[in-house]
């Protein structure tokens, strides 16, 4: 199992002293296609083998036969409310346990980085939870944390979904109110707001100035509201089609941002491809309209990985039957219970896209939203060695092994173990 020696990594040794790993007999998802090539990494970073071979004049220290597995970047989930019986918004006393269980459980689903999502809550809960959702590199302990996604409380009461109404705020009085509600914004990586609310325009500019990605969602706003918000710094749409005005030919609402000519930059959008939240035809419409902006999100809650019955999302009770989760006592959908590998498979099936396109929607696209292009969500040279070995035979896709920073952190049950063949380094 490859790993980084902490005693040498702290001292930044010459690269010639660091172990080089070469994965052979594999196929790579790279530059929008599947290519047959070897895969190299060192010190947790993907490596260009040419200068190693011709300039450093060394060979790989460790080789691995991948048995024709497909290698792709690790999945990134930027909207995840919880899973495996835990919820990020319900019990601050159990937050450390929640982070440990969810982060570890995600490895089996191919997720190597994620944003723990906190739904509309009281200021007291934000002040307890957000300081503890700091960025953290992934590893054997679990998937890495990119910072918190705060969904609410500045959202539309009419489009609240599974958000508790008594905590919703229908305006932003001034930017000082943001820190009064959330506390320090240091660990907030992504925030969802409704653009039509009074004062939200100034709040969007404030968030953007702080380096927080601003998303539009749980909104009753029209296209003009969305365009104004993007001009102030918003760049994402939370779970497109859900909790927003439906598309109308005279005012397409926030959906119209996918083709608006008045926005200064391309807008990305989240899609819950669970077969329930978004009809296959709607998936196809969104993808064919703006394919490079589509970002798969699970919007999963505590019931992910569990069976049917009653579960929690934030302060609300939900009932799971089959693959559907609804608020207790209503027909309102309440997040999903699916995993990211499921979403990739469902997206490929329902939208009729290639496996590469499905993978890019869970890797390259969310990395771009979070400002991590070239660092995560890619197999390009110099990127973090967060990657998956997949079986893609028989029109299916299964996670076999999950790697973070070059370390194997998960192997599927009954999967033959990878054989790491070590050799003594020789000068060429």
Protein backbone atom coordinates (compact mmCIF):
# COMPACT_ATOMS: atom_id res chain seq x y z
CA UNK A 1 0.00 0.00 0.00
CA UNK A 2 1.65 3.28 -1.03
CA UNK A 3 2.06 5.94 1.59
CA UNK A 4 4.13 9.04 2.22
CA UNK A 5 6.83 8.80 4.85
CA UNK A 6 6.04 11.74 7.18
CA UNK A 7 9.60 11.92 8.43
CA UNK A 8 10.90 12.68 4.94
CA UNK A 9 7.95 14.75 3.65
CA UNK A 10 8.38 17.26 6.45
CA UNK A 11 11.99 17.85 5.41
CA UNK A 12 11.15 18.29 1.70
CA UNK A 13 13.81 15.83 0.45
CA UNK A 14 15.23 15.94 -3.06
CA UNK A 15 12.79 14.35 -5.46
CA UNK A 16 15.33 11.66 -6.31
CA UNK A 17 14.95 10.31 -2.78
CA UNK A 18 11.15 10.02 -2.93
CA UNK A 19 9.39 6.85 -4.00
CA UNK A 20 7.94 6.84 -7.49
CA UNK A 21 4.86 4.72 -8.19
CA UNK A 22 4.00 3.42 -11.63
CA UNK A 23 0.57 1.88 -12.27
CA UNK A 24 0.69 -0.30 -15.38
CA UNK A 25 -1.89 -2.08 -17.53
CA UNK A 26 -4.51 0.59 -16.90
CA UNK A 27 -6.69 3.09 -18.75
CA UNK A 28 -6.93 6.74 -17.73
CA UNK A 29 -9.72 9.33 -17.89
CA UNK A 30 -7.73 12.27 -19.16
CA UNK A 31 -8.53 15.30 -21.34
CA UNK A 32 -12.10 14.20 -22.02
CA UNK A 33 -11.36 10.68 -23.18
CA UNK A 34 -10.11 7.29 -22.06
CA UNK A 35 -6.48 6.66 -22.95
CA UNK A 36 -4.29 3.60 -22.53
CA UNK A 37 -1.25 4.72 -20.55
CA UNK A 38 0.74 4.18 -17.37
CA UNK A 39 -0.05 6.31 -14.34
CA UNK A 40 2.74 7.78 -12.20
CA UNK A 41 2.80 9.66 -8.90
CA UNK A 42 5.22 10.71 -6.18
CA UNK A 43 4.79 12.49 -2.84
CA UNK A 44 1.02 12.54 -3.28
CA UNK A 45 1.18 14.32 -6.66
CA UNK A 46 0.58 13.03 -10.17
CA UNK A 47 3.87 12.80 -12.01
CA UNK A 48 5.02 13.44 -15.56
CA UNK A 49 7.30 10.45 -16.19
CA UNK A 50 9.33 11.97 -19.03
CA UNK A 51 11.59 14.30 -16.99
CA UNK A 52 11.95 11.58 -14.36
CA UNK A 53 13.19 9.10 -16.92
CA UNK A 54 15.30 11.40 -19.09
CA UNK A 55 16.55 14.00 -16.57
CA UNK A 56 16.59 12.28 -13.18
CA UNK A 57 17.47 9.02 -14.93
CA UNK A 58 15.62 6.84 -12.46
CA UNK A 59 12.95 4.19 -12.76
CA UNK A 60 9.85 3.56 -10.66
CA UNK A 61 10.43 2.28 -7.14
CA UNK A 62 7.05 0.53 -7.02
CA UNK A 63 4.99 -0.89 -9.87
CA UNK A 64 1.39 -2.06 -9.78
CA UNK A 65 -0.49 -4.18 -12.32
CA UNK A 66 -3.98 -2.66 -12.52
CA UNK A 67 -5.42 -5.53 -14.57
CA UNK A 68 -7.04 -3.15 -17.10
CA UNK A 69 -8.86 -1.10 -14.45
CA UNK A 70 -10.02 2.40 -15.35
CA UNK A 71 -8.33 5.17 -13.35
CA UNK A 72 -10.20 8.44 -12.84
CA UNK A 73 -9.96 11.38 -10.42
CA UNK A 74 -11.62 11.03 -7.02
CA UNK A 75 -15.20 12.27 -6.84
CA UNK A 76 -16.01 15.63 -5.22
CA UNK A 77 -19.38 16.22 -3.52
CA UNK A 78 -20.07 19.87 -2.70
CA UNK A 79 -23.54 19.32 -1.22
CA UNK A 80 -23.79 16.61 1.42
CA UNK A 81 -25.98 17.00 4.50
CA UNK A 82 -24.82 13.81 6.19
CA UNK A 83 -24.97 10.05 5.89
CA UNK A 84 -24.71 6.70 7.62
CA UNK A 85 -27.05 7.86 10.39
CA UNK A 86 -25.36 11.23 11.01
CA UNK A 87 -26.39 14.80 10.13
CA UNK A 88 -24.13 17.87 10.19
CA UNK A 89 -26.94 20.20 11.31
CA UNK A 90 -28.71 18.32 14.08
CA UNK A 91 -26.40 17.61 17.04
CA UNK A 92 -23.24 19.70 17.62
CA UNK A 93 -22.29 17.43 20.51
CA UNK A 94 -21.81 14.55 18.07
CA UNK A 95 -20.21 16.57 15.27
CA UNK A 96 -16.72 15.06 15.61
CA UNK A 97 -18.20 11.56 15.53
CA UNK A 98 -20.37 12.60 12.58
CA UNK A 99 -17.39 13.91 10.58
CA UNK A 100 -15.38 10.78 11.30
CA UNK A 101 -18.14 8.36 10.29
CA UNK A 102 -19.27 10.23 7.18
CA UNK A 103 -15.75 10.99 5.92
CA UNK A 104 -14.73 7.36 6.31
CA UNK A 105 -17.93 6.00 4.78
CA UNK A 106 -17.59 8.20 1.69
CA UNK A 107 -14.40 6.42 0.62
CA UNK A 108 -16.40 3.39 -0.51
CA UNK A 109 -18.47 5.64 -2.79
CA UNK A 110 -15.41 7.12 -4.52
CA UNK A 111 -15.66 10.54 -2.85
CA UNK A 112 -12.22 11.89 -1.91
CA UNK A 113 -13.25 15.50 -1.09
CA UNK A 114 -16.52 17.09 0.01
CA UNK A 115 -18.28 20.06 1.58
CA UNK A 116 -20.24 19.18 4.74
CA UNK A 117 -23.54 21.01 4.26
CA UNK A 118 -25.38 22.78 7.06
CA UNK A 119 -29.02 23.54 6.32
CA UNK A 120 -30.99 26.52 7.67
CA UNK A 121 -30.36 26.61 11.42
CA UNK A 122 -30.22 28.94 14.40
CA UNK A 123 -27.24 31.29 14.90
CA UNK A 124 -26.38 29.30 18.02
CA UNK A 125 -25.96 26.13 15.97
CA UNK A 126 -23.92 27.85 13.25
CA UNK A 127 -21.61 29.28 15.91
CA UNK A 128 -21.04 25.80 17.35
CA UNK A 129 -20.70 23.87 14.09
CA UNK A 130 -18.98 26.08 11.50
CA UNK A 131 -15.73 26.65 13.47
CA UNK A 132 -15.24 22.87 13.43
CA UNK A 133 -15.80 22.34 9.70
CA UNK A 134 -12.35 23.57 8.76
CA UNK A 135 -10.52 22.37 5.67
CA UNK A 136 -8.73 19.10 6.20
CA UNK A 137 -6.70 16.94 3.86
CA UNK A 138 -8.10 13.48 3.24
CA UNK A 139 -6.35 10.25 4.10
CA UNK A 140 -6.92 6.88 5.70
CA UNK A 141 -9.21 8.61 8.20
CA UNK A 142 -11.61 9.63 5.39
CA UNK A 143 -12.44 12.00 2.53
CA UNK A 144 -10.94 15.48 2.68
CA UNK A 145 -13.02 18.48 3.77
CA UNK A 146 -13.07 21.53 1.47
CA UNK A 147 -14.92 23.73 3.97
CA UNK A 148 -18.60 24.07 4.82
CA UNK A 149 -21.50 24.58 2.45
CA UNK A 150 -24.01 26.75 4.32
CA UNK A 151 -27.44 26.34 2.71
CA UNK A 152 -29.57 29.13 4.16
CA UNK A 153 -30.96 30.79 6.23
CA UNK A 154 -31.37 33.66 3.71
CA UNK A 155 -33.77 31.75 1.46
CA UNK A 156 -37.35 31.98 0.22
CA UNK A 157 -40.07 30.81 2.60
CA UNK A 158 -42.09 29.69 -0.44
CA UNK A 159 -39.24 27.47 -1.65
CA UNK A 160 -37.96 26.29 1.72
CA UNK A 161 -38.08 22.56 0.96
CA UNK A 162 -36.85 20.68 4.05
CA UNK A 163 -35.59 23.82 5.81
CA UNK A 164 -37.14 24.71 9.16
CA UNK A 165 -39.30 27.84 8.66
CA UNK A 166 -38.67 29.45 12.07
CA UNK A 167 -34.96 29.86 11.23
CA UNK A 168 -35.45 31.31 7.73
CA UNK A 169 -34.56 35.00 7.29
CA UNK A 170 -36.33 36.98 4.59
CA UNK A 171 -33.73 39.74 4.21
CA UNK A 172 -30.16 40.78 5.02
CA UNK A 173 -30.16 44.03 6.99
CA UNK A 174 -26.44 44.67 6.44
CA UNK A 175 -23.26 42.65 5.94
CA UNK A 176 -22.63 42.76 9.67
CA UNK A 177 -25.67 40.53 10.08
CA UNK A 178 -23.87 37.74 8.21
CA UNK A 179 -21.27 37.27 10.93
CA UNK A 180 -23.92 37.72 13.59
CA UNK A 181 -25.77 34.76 12.04
CA UNK A 182 -22.89 32.54 10.97
CA UNK A 183 -20.06 33.68 13.20
CA UNK A 184 -16.66 33.87 11.50
CA UNK A 185 -16.78 32.93 7.82
CA UNK A 186 -13.29 31.41 7.76
CA UNK A 187 -14.50 27.83 7.24
CA UNK A 188 -17.37 28.64 4.86
CA UNK A 189 -16.44 27.57 1.33
CA UNK A 190 -19.89 27.76 -0.30
CA UNK A 191 -23.15 29.50 0.63
CA UNK A 192 -26.65 29.20 -0.85
CA UNK A 193 -28.89 32.28 -0.85
CA UNK A 194 -32.08 33.43 -2.57
CA UNK A 195 -31.09 36.38 -4.83
CA UNK A 196 -34.48 38.15 -4.71
CA UNK A 197 -34.38 38.87 -0.96
CA UNK A 198 -33.70 42.47 0.17
CA UNK A 199 -30.04 43.00 1.02
CA UNK A 200 -28.83 39.74 -0.51
CA UNK A 201 -27.15 41.52 -3.43
CA UNK A 202 -24.75 43.28 -1.02
CA UNK A 203 -24.27 40.02 0.86
CA UNK A 204 -23.27 38.23 -2.35
CA UNK A 205 -20.59 40.83 -3.05
CA UNK A 206 -19.33 40.49 0.54
CA UNK A 207 -19.14 36.70 0.31
CA UNK A 208 -17.36 36.85 -3.04
CA UNK A 209 -14.82 39.33 -1.66
CA UNK A 210 -14.12 36.85 1.16
CA UNK A 211 -13.46 34.05 -1.33
CA UNK A 212 -16.73 32.24 -0.56
CA UNK A 213 -18.42 30.61 -3.57
CA UNK A 214 -21.98 31.95 -3.81
CA UNK A 215 -24.80 29.75 -5.06
CA UNK A 216 -28.40 30.67 -5.85
CA UNK A 217 -31.15 28.38 -4.62
CA UNK A 218 -34.30 27.85 -2.53
CA UNK A 219 -35.47 30.88 -4.43
CA UNK A 220 -38.62 32.46 -5.78
CA UNK A 221 -36.50 34.74 -7.92
CA UNK A 222 -36.78 35.32 -11.65
CA UNK A 223 -34.10 35.45 -14.32
CA UNK A 224 -33.45 39.16 -13.75
CA UNK A 225 -32.77 38.47 -10.06
CA UNK A 226 -30.36 35.72 -11.04
CA UNK A 227 -28.52 37.85 -13.57
CA UNK A 228 -28.08 40.65 -11.04
CA UNK A 229 -26.73 38.15 -8.51
CA UNK A 230 -24.20 36.74 -10.96
CA UNK A 231 -23.02 40.25 -11.77
CA UNK A 232 -22.26 40.69 -8.04
CA UNK A 233 -20.28 37.45 -7.79
CA UNK A 234 -22.62 34.44 -7.66
CA UNK A 235 -21.39 31.55 -9.81
CA UNK A 236 -23.42 28.44 -8.96
CA UNK A 237 -27.03 27.23 -8.79
CA UNK A 238 -28.08 24.86 -6.01
CA UNK A 239 -29.84 21.65 -7.19
CA UNK A 240 -31.22 23.00 -10.46
CA UNK A 241 -35.01 22.61 -10.97
CA UNK A 242 -35.57 21.86 -7.27
CA UNK A 243 -36.75 24.55 -4.81
CA UNK A 244 -37.00 27.29 -7.45
CA UNK A 245 -39.54 28.73 -9.88
CA UNK A 246 -40.33 26.28 -12.69
CA UNK A 247 -39.19 27.13 -16.18
CA UNK A 248 -41.64 29.40 -18.02
CA UNK A 249 -41.23 30.55 -21.60
CA UNK A 250 -41.75 34.24 -20.68
CA UNK A 251 -39.49 34.11 -17.64
CA UNK A 252 -37.30 31.03 -17.40
CA UNK A 253 -36.29 31.82 -13.81
CA UNK A 254 -32.89 30.79 -12.51
CA UNK A 255 -32.82 28.01 -15.10
CA UNK A 256 -32.40 30.76 -17.70
CA UNK A 257 -28.93 31.53 -16.33
CA UNK A 258 -27.66 28.51 -18.28
CA UNK A 259 -28.09 30.46 -21.53
CA UNK A 260 -28.26 34.10 -20.43
CA UNK A 261 -26.17 36.53 -22.46
CA UNK A 262 -26.11 39.03 -19.60
CA UNK A 263 -23.92 37.10 -17.17
CA UNK A 264 -20.19 37.96 -17.13
CA UNK A 265 -19.02 34.36 -16.58
CA UNK A 266 -20.29 30.83 -17.17
CA UNK A 267 -22.57 29.62 -14.38
CA UNK A 268 -22.30 26.10 -13.00
CA UNK A 269 -25.26 24.25 -11.56
CA UNK A 270 -25.82 21.30 -9.26
CA UNK A 271 -27.96 18.35 -10.31
CA UNK A 272 -29.29 15.56 -8.08
CA UNK A 273 -29.22 12.57 -10.44
CA UNK A 274 -31.00 10.07 -8.20
CA UNK A 275 -33.86 9.23 -10.55
CA UNK A 276 -36.32 11.08 -8.26
CA UNK A 277 -35.35 14.75 -7.86
CA UNK A 278 -34.73 15.30 -11.57
CA UNK A 279 -36.62 13.66 -14.44
CA UNK A 280 -34.37 12.10 -17.12
CA UNK A 281 -35.74 14.53 -19.70
CA UNK A 282 -34.82 17.46 -17.45
CA UNK A 283 -31.32 16.01 -17.04
CA UNK A 284 -30.95 15.84 -20.79
CA UNK A 285 -32.24 19.39 -21.28
CA UNK A 286 -29.78 20.79 -18.73
CA UNK A 287 -26.82 18.80 -20.05
CA UNK A 288 -27.42 19.58 -23.70
CA UNK A 289 -27.90 23.26 -22.89
CA UNK A 290 -24.75 23.72 -20.80
CA UNK A 291 -22.76 20.45 -20.50
CA UNK A 292 -19.60 21.95 -19.00
CA UNK A 293 -21.54 23.57 -16.17
CA UNK A 294 -23.25 20.43 -14.85
CA UNK A 295 -22.09 19.36 -11.39
CA UNK A 296 -23.38 16.17 -9.83
CA UNK A 297 -24.29 16.52 -6.15
CA UNK A 298 -25.89 13.96 -3.88
CA UNK A 299 -27.66 16.35 -1.48
CA UNK A 300 -27.57 13.20 0.66
CA UNK A 301 -28.76 13.16 4.25
CA UNK A 302 -28.39 10.93 7.30
CA UNK A 303 -30.38 8.13 5.69
CA UNK A 304 -27.72 7.59 3.00
CA UNK A 305 -26.33 4.11 3.51
CA UNK A 306 -29.24 3.05 5.74
CA UNK A 307 -32.57 1.36 5.15
CA UNK A 308 -36.13 2.54 5.09
CA UNK A 309 -37.70 4.27 8.09
CA UNK A 310 -37.62 7.61 9.89
CA UNK A 311 -34.46 9.72 9.84
CA UNK A 312 -33.23 13.29 10.41
CA UNK A 313 -32.21 16.25 8.24
CA UNK A 314 -31.24 19.25 10.32
CA UNK A 315 -34.08 19.71 12.81
CA UNK A 316 -36.66 17.98 10.57
CA UNK A 317 -37.90 14.39 10.52
CA UNK A 318 -38.03 12.52 7.21
CA UNK A 319 -39.39 9.15 6.18
CA UNK A 320 -37.59 6.97 3.65
CA UNK A 321 -39.51 4.54 1.46
CA UNK A 322 -37.64 2.88 -1.36
CA UNK A 323 -35.26 5.49 -2.85
CA UNK A 324 -37.50 8.42 -1.83
CA UNK A 325 -37.21 10.59 1.29
CA UNK A 326 -39.99 13.01 2.27
CA UNK A 327 -40.67 15.25 5.24
CA UNK A 328 -42.83 13.45 7.77
CA UNK A 329 -46.45 14.48 7.30
CA UNK A 330 -45.97 16.00 3.82
CA UNK A 331 -45.10 15.22 0.21
CA UNK A 332 -42.01 17.48 0.25
CA UNK A 333 -38.81 15.83 -0.95
CA UNK A 334 -36.08 16.07 1.68
CA UNK A 335 -32.66 15.53 0.20
CA UNK A 336 -31.54 12.24 -1.28
CA UNK A 337 -30.24 8.96 0.07
CA UNK A 338 -27.97 8.05 -2.85
CA UNK A 339 -24.19 8.00 -3.11
CA UNK A 340 -22.03 9.79 -5.68
CA UNK A 341 -21.09 6.62 -7.55
CA UNK A 342 -24.83 5.95 -7.90
CA UNK A 343 -25.37 9.49 -9.24
CA UNK A 344 -22.68 8.98 -11.89
CA UNK A 345 -24.28 5.74 -13.04
CA UNK A 346 -27.77 7.28 -13.01
CA UNK A 347 -26.62 10.34 -14.93
CA UNK A 348 -24.96 8.20 -17.60
CA UNK A 349 -28.12 6.12 -17.95
CA UNK A 350 -30.74 8.88 -17.82
CA UNK A 351 -28.93 11.57 -19.82
CA UNK A 352 -27.43 9.17 -22.36
CA UNK A 353 -23.92 10.55 -21.84
CA UNK A 354 -20.61 8.71 -21.90
CA UNK A 355 -18.99 7.41 -18.73
CA UNK A 356 -16.26 10.02 -19.17
CA UNK A 357 -18.86 12.81 -19.19
CA UNK A 358 -20.46 11.32 -16.09
CA UNK A 359 -17.12 11.18 -14.30
CA UNK A 360 -16.20 14.76 -15.29
CA UNK A 361 -19.48 16.00 -13.78
CA UNK A 362 -18.37 14.52 -10.43
CA UNK A 363 -14.71 15.55 -10.63
CA UNK A 364 -13.48 18.27 -12.97
CA UNK A 365 -16.65 20.38 -12.82
CA UNK A 366 -17.03 20.63 -9.01
CA UNK A 367 -13.29 21.27 -8.72
CA UNK A 368 -13.71 24.22 -11.08
CA UNK A 369 -16.60 25.58 -8.99
CA UNK A 370 -14.46 25.47 -5.84
CA UNK A 371 -11.43 27.10 -7.49
CA UNK A 372 -9.43 23.86 -7.47
CA UNK A 373 -8.87 23.33 -11.20
CA UNK A 374 -5.56 21.61 -11.79
CA UNK A 375 -5.35 20.59 -8.13
CA UNK A 376 -8.24 18.16 -7.71
CA UNK A 377 -10.75 16.52 -10.05
CA UNK A 378 -8.13 15.78 -12.72
CA UNK A 379 -5.32 13.39 -13.62
CA UNK A 380 -3.16 16.16 -15.05
CA UNK A 381 0.48 16.30 -14.04
CA UNK A 382 1.04 18.12 -10.75
CA UNK A 383 -2.48 17.52 -9.43
CA UNK A 384 -3.18 15.80 -6.13
CA UNK A 385 -3.00 12.01 -6.49
CA UNK A 386 -6.63 11.53 -5.40
CA UNK A 387 -7.91 8.85 -7.75
CA UNK A 388 -10.07 5.77 -8.16
CA UNK A 389 -9.64 2.39 -9.79
CA UNK A 390 -12.94 1.47 -11.41
CA UNK A 391 -14.41 -1.56 -13.08
CA UNK A 392 -16.38 -0.34 -16.09
CA UNK A 393 -17.21 -3.64 -17.74
CA UNK A 394 -20.69 -4.87 -18.69
CA UNK A 395 -22.06 -1.32 -18.94
CA UNK A 396 -21.57 -0.72 -15.22
CA UNK A 397 -19.21 1.27 -13.04
CA UNK A 398 -17.93 0.02 -9.69
CA UNK A 399 -15.40 1.55 -7.32
CA UNK A 400 -12.64 -1.00 -6.70
CA UNK A 401 -10.05 1.10 -4.87
CA UNK A 402 -9.92 4.69 -3.59
CA UNK A 403 -6.63 6.57 -3.26
CA UNK A 404 -5.96 9.89 -1.54
CA UNK A 405 -2.55 11.57 -1.93
CA UNK A 406 -1.28 8.30 -3.39
CA UNK A 407 -2.40 6.18 -0.44
CA UNK A 408 -4.92 3.36 -0.88
CA UNK A 409 -7.63 4.22 1.65
CA UNK A 410 -10.37 1.83 0.51
CA UNK A 411 -10.67 -1.46 -1.35
CA UNK A 412 -14.02 -3.02 -2.18
CA UNK A 413 -14.85 -6.32 -0.47
CA UNK A 414 -13.96 -9.42 -2.49
CA UNK A 415 -11.76 -7.31 -4.78
CA UNK A 416 -8.36 -8.92 -5.44
CA UNK A 417 -5.74 -6.84 -3.60
CA UNK A 418 -3.35 -4.74 -5.60
CA UNK A 419 0.18 -6.11 -5.70
CA UNK A 420 2.84 -3.48 -5.08
CA UNK A 421 6.15 -4.72 -6.49
CA UNK A 422 9.11 -2.91 -4.94
CA UNK A 423 12.47 -2.70 -6.64
CA UNK A 424 15.79 -1.25 -5.69
CA UNK A 425 16.40 2.08 -7.35
CA UNK A 426 18.99 2.00 -10.08
CA UNK A 427 20.65 4.72 -12.09
CA UNK A 428 19.78 4.48 -15.76
